[in-house]
Amino acid sequence: MSPKETANQNLANTIIKNMAKKNLEGYYCATSAEAVEKALSLMPEGSSVTWGGSMTLTECGLMDALKTANYEIIDRDTAKTPEEARAMYGKQVMADYFLMSTNAITMDGELVNIDGRSNRVSCLCWGPQNVIIIAGMNKVALGVESALKRVRNFAAPPNAVRLNKNTPCAQTGKCADCYSPDCICSQIVITRRSSTPNRIKVILVGEELGY
């Protein structure tokens, strides 16, 4: 392994040990392909599976893998009306597995996420029986304060652009702590522990994934 690969693995092992103290179950995979294989191995065939918006899930290949896997897929994007979307969200909350990434993770093993409509963080906090998170090592921050800065200034701006939001950060690339109607930073959730042991499973990947 290269020095960077070794350093990533060593850091991931440290974070995983810290997560275990918080009832979070952690894994490390050197590549996206390994991470996808690990995620699928954690979900028995026939399980109901859904997800929150995430570039990481697409980039690592998990979304493509789900297309040919034997799962009950709950895809909110298939809803054609607001009523269908609301009913679909009810199914998401009761899913066996909820897939997502995290906006940041601290070296101490805490998850930091900021959401617009909050459907993603709400399922992280409660509802689905299991939550599987895939995160590249680029998401690691020293502590909560630096994690929040990372999310506001390095994750939110490109996500605002991706979602065609008219926000200051989409125009300048820097957080303006705005209250814009298009703001995607409505809820800030810091997961310092899981009340249900090992409900939240985090797969750290030795690659740069997502924002």
Foldseek 3Di string as FASTA:
>chain_A
DDPLLVVLVVLQVLLQVLQLVQLAHEAEDAALVVVLVVVVVVDDAAFEEEEDDFQQCVVSCNVVVVVPTRYNYLYLVVDDDPVSSVVSLLVVLAGQEYEEAAQAAESSNKTKHFFAVCSHVVSVQHGHQAYEYEAEPVRYDHDDVRNVQCCQQPAQCVVCVVVVFDDPCVVVSGHPVDPDPRDGGDDIDMRSHHPDRHRYYYYYYHDHGHD
